[in-house]
Amino acid sequence: MPTICAIHDRSPAAIEEETNMAVKILEIHHTGVRVDTGAEKLDATMGFYKDVLGLGHDTGRPTIPGIPGAWINVGEVGQIHLIGGDLPSPFAQVPGRDPTAPHVALAVENIVETKAELDLLGASYWSLKGATGPDAEQLFLNDPCGNMVELH
């Protein structure tokens, strides 16, 4: 049976207070979705987003060894990241810590400050460095329902 997250009614003032003590999110950056293994499935999926939904392909995606995929532009800043390859991926740290699993990614103001704030809040997270560039660091955590969230 699926787990349903509890919805809590909070006043706007309580929400405002909570956001003053939280990580500084700039925007939604991308949603990572899995693509079946195989180049033909990736090509077909890219074609769907281009031909059916009219979205453009971002050719700036770096080559990530063992992780085939594509970045699809949505509007001015959002993207859908198509993520292929076998599971667990070469970047999986332990079971449940695989950055290629479906997730939502949020851009943060400052990754160092974000880590400090997560530590202060006692939030459980894990880090991946260098996957998309030599200076890149991504933080991953799960919401109470188990959905993975990436911060970078």
N, C-alpha and C. Protein backbone atom coordinates (compact mmCIF):
# COMPACT_ATOMS: atom_id res chain seq x y z
N MET A 1 0.85 -1.18 0.00
CA MET A 1 0.00 0.00 0.00
C MET A 1 0.90 1.24 0.00
N PRO A 2 0.60 2.22 -0.83
CA PRO A 2 1.43 3.42 -0.89
C PRO A 2 1.38 4.21 0.41
N THR A 3 2.48 4.87 0.69
CA THR A 3 2.55 5.73 1.84
C THR A 3 2.10 7.12 1.43
N ILE A 4 1.25 7.72 2.23
CA ILE A 4 0.78 9.07 1.95
C ILE A 4 1.41 10.00 2.98
N CYS A 5 2.04 11.05 2.50
CA CYS A 5 2.64 12.03 3.40
C CYS A 5 1.54 12.79 4.10
N ALA A 6 1.77 13.08 5.36
CA ALA A 6 0.81 13.89 6.11
C ALA A 6 0.88 15.33 5.64
N ILE A 7 -0.25 15.97 5.60
CA ILE A 7 -0.32 17.38 5.25
C ILE A 7 -0.62 18.13 6.53
N HIS A 8 0.20 19.11 6.83
CA HIS A 8 0.03 19.89 8.04
C HIS A 8 -0.43 21.29 7.68
N ASP A 9 -1.50 21.73 8.33
CA ASP A 9 -1.96 23.09 8.12
C ASP A 9 -1.09 24.01 8.96
N ARG A 10 -0.52 25.02 8.29
CA ARG A 10 0.31 25.97 8.99
C ARG A 10 -0.08 27.37 8.54
N SER A 11 0.04 28.27 9.44
CA SER A 11 -0.27 29.66 9.10
C SER A 11 0.83 30.23 8.23
N PRO A 12 0.52 31.26 7.42
CA PRO A 12 1.58 31.90 6.62
C PRO A 12 2.73 32.40 7.48
N ALA A 13 2.44 32.89 8.68
CA ALA A 13 3.51 33.37 9.57
C ALA A 13 4.42 32.23 9.99
N ALA A 14 3.85 31.05 10.26
CA ALA A 14 4.67 29.90 10.65
C ALA A 14 5.53 29.44 9.49
N ILE A 15 4.98 29.46 8.30
CA ILE A 15 5.74 29.07 7.11
C ILE A 15 6.87 30.07 6.88
N GLU A 16 6.60 31.36 7.02
CA GLU A 16 7.62 32.39 6.86
C GLU A 16 8.75 32.19 7.86
N GLU A 17 8.39 31.89 9.11
CA GLU A 17 9.40 31.67 10.14
C GLU A 17 10.25 30.46 9.80
N GLU A 18 9.63 29.39 9.33
CA GLU A 18 10.37 28.19 8.96
C GLU A 18 11.34 28.46 7.82
N THR A 19 10.93 29.23 6.83
CA THR A 19 11.80 29.47 5.69
C THR A 19 12.97 30.36 6.04
N ASN A 20 12.87 31.13 7.10
CA ASN A 20 13.99 31.95 7.54
C ASN A 20 15.08 31.12 8.19
N MET A 21 14.79 29.89 8.56
CA MET A 21 15.74 29.04 9.25
C MET A 21 16.15 27.85 8.38
N ALA A 22 15.96 27.94 7.10
CA ALA A 22 16.17 26.80 6.22
C ALA A 22 17.23 27.09 5.18
N VAL A 23 17.50 26.09 4.37
CA VAL A 23 18.42 26.21 3.25
C VAL A 23 17.89 27.27 2.29
N LYS A 24 18.78 28.01 1.65
CA LYS A 24 18.38 29.06 0.71
C LYS A 24 18.28 28.49 -0.70
N ILE A 25 17.07 28.18 -1.12
CA ILE A 25 16.80 27.62 -2.45
C ILE A 25 16.60 28.77 -3.43
N LEU A 26 17.25 28.69 -4.57
CA LEU A 26 17.10 29.71 -5.61
C LEU A 26 15.99 29.37 -6.60
N GLU A 27 15.93 28.09 -7.01
CA GLU A 27 14.97 27.69 -8.03
C GLU A 27 14.96 26.17 -8.15
N ILE A 28 13.92 25.67 -8.79
CA ILE A 28 13.94 24.26 -9.17
C ILE A 28 14.86 24.18 -10.39
N HIS A 29 15.79 23.25 -10.36
CA HIS A 29 16.77 23.15 -11.44
C HIS A 29 16.38 22.07 -12.44
N HIS A 30 16.13 20.86 -11.92
CA HIS A 30 15.73 19.78 -12.83
C HIS A 30 15.00 18.68 -12.08
N THR A 31 14.35 17.85 -12.85
CA THR A 31 13.80 16.60 -12.36
C THR A 31 14.54 15.49 -13.08
N GLY A 32 15.08 14.56 -12.30
CA GLY A 32 15.81 13.43 -12.88
C GLY A 32 14.88 12.24 -13.04
N VAL A 33 14.76 11.76 -14.27
CA VAL A 33 13.91 10.59 -14.54
C VAL A 33 14.75 9.49 -15.17
N ARG A 34 14.42 8.27 -14.85
CA ARG A 34 15.15 7.10 -15.38
C ARG A 34 14.68 6.76 -16.78
N VAL A 35 15.62 6.32 -17.59
CA VAL A 35 15.36 5.85 -18.95
C VAL A 35 15.85 4.41 -19.01
N ASP A 36 15.05 3.54 -19.61
CA ASP A 36 15.47 2.15 -19.78
C ASP A 36 16.84 2.08 -20.44
N THR A 37 17.59 1.05 -20.09
CA THR A 37 18.93 0.87 -20.66
C THR A 37 18.84 0.65 -22.16
N GLY A 38 19.77 1.23 -22.88
CA GLY A 38 19.83 1.06 -24.33
C GLY A 38 19.71 2.38 -25.05
N ALA A 39 20.58 2.57 -26.05
CA ALA A 39 20.60 3.83 -26.81
C ALA A 39 19.28 4.08 -27.53
N GLU A 40 18.62 3.02 -28.00
CA GLU A 40 17.37 3.20 -28.73
C GLU A 40 16.28 3.77 -27.82
N LYS A 41 16.25 3.38 -26.55
CA LYS A 41 15.26 3.91 -25.62
C LYS A 41 15.56 5.37 -25.31
N LEU A 42 16.83 5.71 -25.15
CA LEU A 42 17.20 7.10 -24.90
C LEU A 42 16.81 7.97 -26.10
N ASP A 43 17.12 7.50 -27.30
CA ASP A 43 16.76 8.25 -28.51
C ASP A 43 15.24 8.41 -28.63
N ALA A 44 14.50 7.36 -28.36
CA ALA A 44 13.03 7.43 -28.44
C ALA A 44 12.48 8.40 -27.39
N THR A 45 13.05 8.38 -26.20
CA THR A 45 12.58 9.27 -25.14
C THR A 45 12.92 10.72 -25.47
N MET A 46 14.13 10.96 -25.99
CA MET A 46 14.49 12.31 -26.41
C MET A 46 13.54 12.79 -27.51
N GLY A 47 13.22 11.90 -28.44
CA GLY A 47 12.29 12.23 -29.51
C GLY A 47 10.91 12.60 -28.99
N PHE A 48 10.46 11.90 -27.97
CA PHE A 48 9.16 12.22 -27.35
C PHE A 48 9.16 13.65 -26.82
N TYR A 49 10.18 14.00 -26.05
CA TYR A 49 10.23 15.34 -25.46
C TYR A 49 10.38 16.42 -26.54
N LYS A 50 11.10 16.12 -27.62
CA LYS A 50 11.28 17.09 -28.70
C LYS A 50 10.06 17.16 -29.61
N ASP A 51 9.64 16.01 -30.13
CA ASP A 51 8.61 15.99 -31.17
C ASP A 51 7.19 16.11 -30.64
N VAL A 52 6.93 15.53 -29.48
CA VAL A 52 5.57 15.56 -28.93
C VAL A 52 5.37 16.78 -28.03
N LEU A 53 6.36 17.07 -27.17
CA LEU A 53 6.20 18.17 -26.22
C LEU A 53 6.88 19.46 -26.67
N GLY A 54 7.64 19.42 -27.76
CA GLY A 54 8.24 20.63 -28.30
C GLY A 54 9.37 21.20 -27.47
N LEU A 55 10.05 20.36 -26.69
CA LEU A 55 11.14 20.84 -25.83
C LEU A 55 12.48 20.62 -26.50
N GLY A 56 13.44 21.49 -26.19
CA GLY A 56 14.76 21.42 -26.80
C GLY A 56 15.76 20.64 -25.98
N HIS A 57 16.74 20.10 -26.67
CA HIS A 57 17.83 19.32 -26.09
C HIS A 57 18.97 20.24 -25.71
N ASP A 58 19.47 20.15 -24.47
CA ASP A 58 20.62 20.93 -24.03
C ASP A 58 21.88 20.16 -24.39
N THR A 59 22.64 20.67 -25.33
CA THR A 59 23.84 19.96 -25.79
C THR A 59 25.03 20.15 -24.83
N GLY A 60 24.85 20.89 -23.75
CA GLY A 60 25.93 21.13 -22.80
C GLY A 60 26.13 20.05 -21.76
N ARG A 61 25.36 18.96 -21.83
CA ARG A 61 25.55 17.89 -20.83
C ARG A 61 26.92 17.28 -21.00
N PRO A 62 27.68 17.20 -19.88
CA PRO A 62 29.00 16.57 -19.98
C PRO A 62 28.87 15.06 -20.14
N THR A 63 29.90 14.44 -20.65
CA THR A 63 29.94 12.98 -20.71
C THR A 63 30.20 12.48 -19.29
N ILE A 64 29.30 11.63 -18.80
CA ILE A 64 29.43 11.07 -17.46
C ILE A 64 29.63 9.57 -17.64
N PRO A 65 30.84 9.06 -17.38
CA PRO A 65 31.12 7.64 -17.63
C PRO A 65 30.11 6.71 -16.95
N GLY A 66 29.54 5.81 -17.73
CA GLY A 66 28.60 4.83 -17.21
C GLY A 66 27.19 5.35 -17.03
N ILE A 67 26.96 6.64 -17.34
CA ILE A 67 25.64 7.23 -17.17
C ILE A 67 25.21 7.91 -18.48
N PRO A 68 24.64 7.14 -19.41
CA PRO A 68 24.13 7.79 -20.62
C PRO A 68 22.93 8.65 -20.25
N GLY A 69 22.67 9.65 -21.04
CA GLY A 69 21.52 10.48 -20.74
C GLY A 69 21.46 11.71 -21.60
N ALA A 70 20.52 12.57 -21.27
CA ALA A 70 20.34 13.83 -21.99
C ALA A 70 19.67 14.81 -21.06
N TRP A 71 19.90 16.09 -21.34
CA TRP A 71 19.23 17.16 -20.62
C TRP A 71 18.25 17.82 -21.57
N ILE A 72 17.03 17.98 -21.13
CA ILE A 72 15.96 18.58 -21.91
C ILE A 72 15.57 19.91 -21.25
N ASN A 73 15.58 20.98 -22.01
CA ASN A 73 15.23 22.30 -21.48
C ASN A 73 13.73 22.47 -21.36
N VAL A 74 13.32 23.05 -20.23
CA VAL A 74 11.92 23.36 -19.97
C VAL A 74 11.86 24.82 -19.52
N GLY A 75 11.38 25.70 -20.36
CA GLY A 75 11.32 27.11 -20.00
C GLY A 75 12.71 27.73 -19.94
N GLU A 76 12.82 28.79 -19.15
CA GLU A 76 14.07 29.54 -19.07
C GLU A 76 15.15 28.83 -18.26
N VAL A 77 14.79 28.17 -17.17
CA VAL A 77 15.82 27.58 -16.30
C VAL A 77 15.62 26.11 -15.98
N GLY A 78 14.42 25.59 -16.09
CA GLY A 78 14.16 24.22 -15.69
C GLY A 78 14.62 23.20 -16.72
N GLN A 79 14.86 22.01 -16.24
CA GLN A 79 15.25 20.92 -17.13
C GLN A 79 14.66 19.60 -16.64
N ILE A 80 14.61 18.65 -17.56
CA ILE A 80 14.36 17.25 -17.25
C ILE A 80 15.65 16.54 -17.61
N HIS A 81 16.22 15.82 -16.66
CA HIS A 81 17.42 15.04 -16.92
C HIS A 81 17.01 13.60 -17.16
N LEU A 82 17.26 13.11 -18.36
CA LEU A 82 17.02 11.71 -18.69
C LEU A 82 18.27 10.94 -18.29
N ILE A 83 18.10 9.96 -17.42
CA ILE A 83 19.24 9.25 -16.84
C ILE A 83 19.13 7.76 -17.17
N GLY A 84 20.12 7.27 -17.90
CA GLY A 84 20.13 5.86 -18.28
C GLY A 84 21.22 5.09 -17.57
N GLY A 85 21.46 3.90 -18.06
CA GLY A 85 22.49 3.04 -17.48
C GLY A 85 21.92 2.06 -16.49
N ASP A 86 22.77 1.14 -16.11
CA ASP A 86 22.36 0.09 -15.17
C ASP A 86 22.28 0.64 -13.75
N LEU A 87 21.42 0.01 -12.96
CA LEU A 87 21.34 0.29 -11.53
C LEU A 87 21.90 -0.89 -10.77
N PRO A 88 22.67 -0.69 -9.74
CA PRO A 88 23.13 0.62 -9.28
C PRO A 88 24.15 1.20 -10.25
N SER A 89 24.23 2.52 -10.25
CA SER A 89 25.15 3.22 -11.15
C SER A 89 26.56 3.18 -10.59
N PRO A 90 27.55 3.56 -11.40
CA PRO A 90 28.92 3.63 -10.89
C PRO A 90 29.10 4.65 -9.77
N PHE A 91 28.15 5.56 -9.61
CA PHE A 91 28.24 6.58 -8.56
C PHE A 91 27.50 6.20 -7.29
N ALA A 92 26.81 5.06 -7.28
CA ALA A 92 26.09 4.63 -6.08
C ALA A 92 27.09 4.39 -4.95
N GLN A 93 26.78 4.93 -3.78
CA GLN A 93 27.67 4.78 -2.64
C GLN A 93 27.33 3.53 -1.84
N VAL A 94 26.07 3.35 -1.55
CA VAL A 94 25.52 2.18 -0.86
C VAL A 94 24.07 2.06 -1.34
N PRO A 95 23.40 0.96 -1.05
CA PRO A 95 21.99 0.88 -1.44
C PRO A 95 21.20 2.08 -0.90
N GLY A 96 20.40 2.69 -1.76
CA GLY A 96 19.62 3.86 -1.37
C GLY A 96 20.34 5.18 -1.57
N ARG A 97 21.59 5.11 -1.99
CA ARG A 97 22.36 6.34 -2.23
C ARG A 97 22.93 6.31 -3.64
N ASP A 98 22.03 6.43 -4.60
CA ASP A 98 22.42 6.42 -6.00
C ASP A 98 21.89 7.70 -6.64
N PRO A 99 22.78 8.60 -7.06
CA PRO A 99 22.32 9.88 -7.61
C PRO A 99 21.57 9.75 -8.93
N THR A 100 21.57 8.57 -9.53
CA THR A 100 20.83 8.39 -10.78
C THR A 100 19.40 7.93 -10.55
N ALA A 101 19.00 7.75 -9.30
CA ALA A 101 17.62 7.41 -8.99
C ALA A 101 16.74 8.63 -9.27
N PRO A 102 15.45 8.43 -9.52
CA PRO A 102 14.57 9.58 -9.76
C PRO A 102 14.66 10.59 -8.61
N HIS A 103 14.68 11.88 -8.97
CA HIS A 103 14.83 12.93 -7.96
C HIS A 103 14.42 14.28 -8.51
N VAL A 104 14.26 15.22 -7.60
CA VAL A 104 14.08 16.62 -7.97
C VAL A 104 15.32 17.35 -7.49
N ALA A 105 15.84 18.26 -8.31
CA ALA A 105 17.05 19.00 -7.96
C ALA A 105 16.73 20.48 -7.81
N LEU A 106 17.26 21.05 -6.75
CA LEU A 106 17.05 22.46 -6.45
C LEU A 106 18.40 23.17 -6.41
N ALA A 107 18.47 24.32 -7.04
CA ALA A 107 19.69 25.12 -7.00
C ALA A 107 19.72 25.88 -5.68
N VAL A 108 20.88 25.89 -5.03
CA VAL A 108 21.05 26.61 -3.77
C VAL A 108 21.99 27.78 -3.98
N GLU A 109 21.91 28.72 -3.06
CA GLU A 109 22.73 29.92 -3.16
C GLU A 109 24.22 29.61 -2.97
N ASN A 110 24.53 28.75 -1.98
CA ASN A 110 25.92 28.48 -1.65
C ASN A 110 26.00 27.07 -1.07
N ILE A 111 26.74 26.18 -1.71
CA ILE A 111 26.78 24.78 -1.27
C ILE A 111 27.43 24.62 0.10
N VAL A 112 28.45 25.41 0.41
CA VAL A 112 29.11 25.32 1.72
C VAL A 112 28.15 25.75 2.82
N GLU A 113 27.45 26.87 2.60
CA GLU A 113 26.47 27.32 3.59
C GLU A 113 25.32 26.33 3.71
N THR A 114 24.95 25.72 2.60
CA THR A 114 23.87 24.72 2.63
C THR A 114 24.26 23.53 3.49
N LYS A 115 25.48 23.04 3.33
CA LYS A 115 25.94 21.92 4.16
C LYS A 115 25.93 22.31 5.64
N ALA A 116 26.39 23.51 5.95
CA ALA A 116 26.41 23.97 7.34
C ALA A 116 24.99 24.05 7.90
N GLU A 117 24.05 24.54 7.10
CA GLU A 117 22.66 24.65 7.55
C GLU A 117 22.04 23.27 7.75
N LEU A 118 22.31 22.34 6.83
CA LEU A 118 21.80 20.98 7.00
C LEU A 118 22.36 20.34 8.26
N ASP A 119 23.65 20.56 8.52
CA ASP A 119 24.26 20.04 9.74
C ASP A 119 23.60 20.64 10.98
N LEU A 120 23.37 21.96 10.96
CA LEU A 120 22.74 22.65 12.07
C LEU A 120 21.33 22.10 12.32
N LEU A 121 20.62 21.80 11.25
CA LEU A 121 19.26 21.27 11.35
C LEU A 121 19.23 19.78 11.70
N GLY A 122 20.39 19.13 11.66
CA GLY A 122 20.45 17.70 11.94
C GLY A 122 19.89 16.85 10.80
N ALA A 123 19.88 17.39 9.61
CA ALA A 123 19.35 16.67 8.45
C ALA A 123 20.36 15.63 7.97
N SER A 124 19.88 14.48 7.61
CA SER A 124 20.72 13.42 7.07
C SER A 124 20.88 13.63 5.57
N TYR A 125 22.11 13.70 5.09
CA TYR A 125 22.37 13.88 3.66
C TYR A 125 23.68 13.21 3.31
N TRP A 126 23.93 13.09 2.02
CA TRP A 126 25.20 12.56 1.53
C TRP A 126 25.66 13.40 0.36
N SER A 127 26.93 13.35 0.07
CA SER A 127 27.55 14.24 -0.90
C SER A 127 28.19 13.46 -2.03
N LEU A 128 28.16 14.05 -3.22
CA LEU A 128 28.84 13.51 -4.39
C LEU A 128 29.65 14.65 -4.99
N LYS A 129 30.93 14.43 -5.16
CA LYS A 129 31.81 15.46 -5.70
C LYS A 129 32.38 15.03 -7.05
N GLY A 130 32.45 15.99 -7.99
CA GLY A 130 33.14 15.79 -9.24
C GLY A 130 32.40 15.03 -10.32
N ALA A 131 31.12 14.71 -10.16
CA ALA A 131 30.41 13.91 -11.16
C ALA A 131 30.16 14.70 -12.45
N THR A 132 29.83 15.97 -12.33
CA THR A 132 29.51 16.77 -13.52
C THR A 132 30.56 17.84 -13.82
N GLY A 133 31.62 17.86 -13.05
CA GLY A 133 32.71 18.81 -13.25
C GLY A 133 33.66 18.72 -12.07
N PRO A 134 34.90 19.14 -12.24
CA PRO A 134 35.90 18.97 -11.18
C PRO A 134 35.57 19.69 -9.88
N ASP A 135 34.84 20.80 -9.94
CA ASP A 135 34.51 21.55 -8.73
C ASP A 135 33.07 21.34 -8.27
N ALA A 136 32.33 20.49 -8.96
CA ALA A 136 30.91 20.30 -8.65
C ALA A 136 30.73 19.46 -7.39
N GLU A 137 29.79 19.89 -6.57
CA GLU A 137 29.38 19.09 -5.42
C GLU A 137 27.86 19.09 -5.37
N GLN A 138 27.31 17.91 -5.18
CA GLN A 138 25.87 17.74 -5.08
C GLN A 138 25.57 17.10 -3.73
N LEU A 139 24.52 17.57 -3.09
CA LEU A 139 24.05 16.99 -1.83
C LEU A 139 22.73 16.29 -2.09
N PHE A 140 22.53 15.16 -1.46
CA PHE A 140 21.30 14.39 -1.64
C PHE A 140 20.70 14.07 -0.28
N LEU A 141 19.38 14.19 -0.20
CA LEU A 141 18.66 13.83 1.00
C LEU A 141 17.28 13.34 0.59
N ASN A 142 16.61 12.73 1.53
CA ASN A 142 15.28 12.19 1.26
C ASN A 142 14.25 12.91 2.11
N ASP A 143 13.10 13.21 1.51
CA ASP A 143 12.00 13.78 2.29
C ASP A 143 11.37 12.67 3.13
N PRO A 144 10.44 13.00 4.02
CA PRO A 144 9.86 11.98 4.91
C PRO A 144 9.16 10.83 4.18
N CYS A 145 8.80 11.03 2.90
CA CYS A 145 8.16 9.97 2.12
C CYS A 145 9.17 9.17 1.30
N GLY A 146 10.46 9.50 1.41
CA GLY A 146 11.49 8.76 0.71
C GLY A 146 11.87 9.32 -0.64
N ASN A 147 11.27 10.43 -1.07
CA ASN A 147 11.61 11.04 -2.34
C ASN A 147 12.98 11.70 -2.24
N MET A 148 13.83 11.45 -3.22
CA MET A 148 15.17 12.00 -3.18
C MET A 148 15.18 13.43 -3.71
N VAL A 149 15.93 14.29 -3.00
CA VAL A 149 16.10 15.68 -3.35
C VAL A 149 17.59 15.95 -3.49
N GLU A 150 17.96 16.57 -4.58
CA GLU A 150 19.34 16.97 -4.83
C GLU A 150 19.46 18.47 -4.62
N LEU A 151 20.52 18.89 -3.96
CA LEU A 151 20.83 20.31 -3.78
C LEU A 151 22.18 20.56 -4.42
N HIS A 152 22.25 21.60 -5.24
CA HIS A 152 23.57 21.95 -5.83
C HIS A 152 23.61 23.41 -6.17
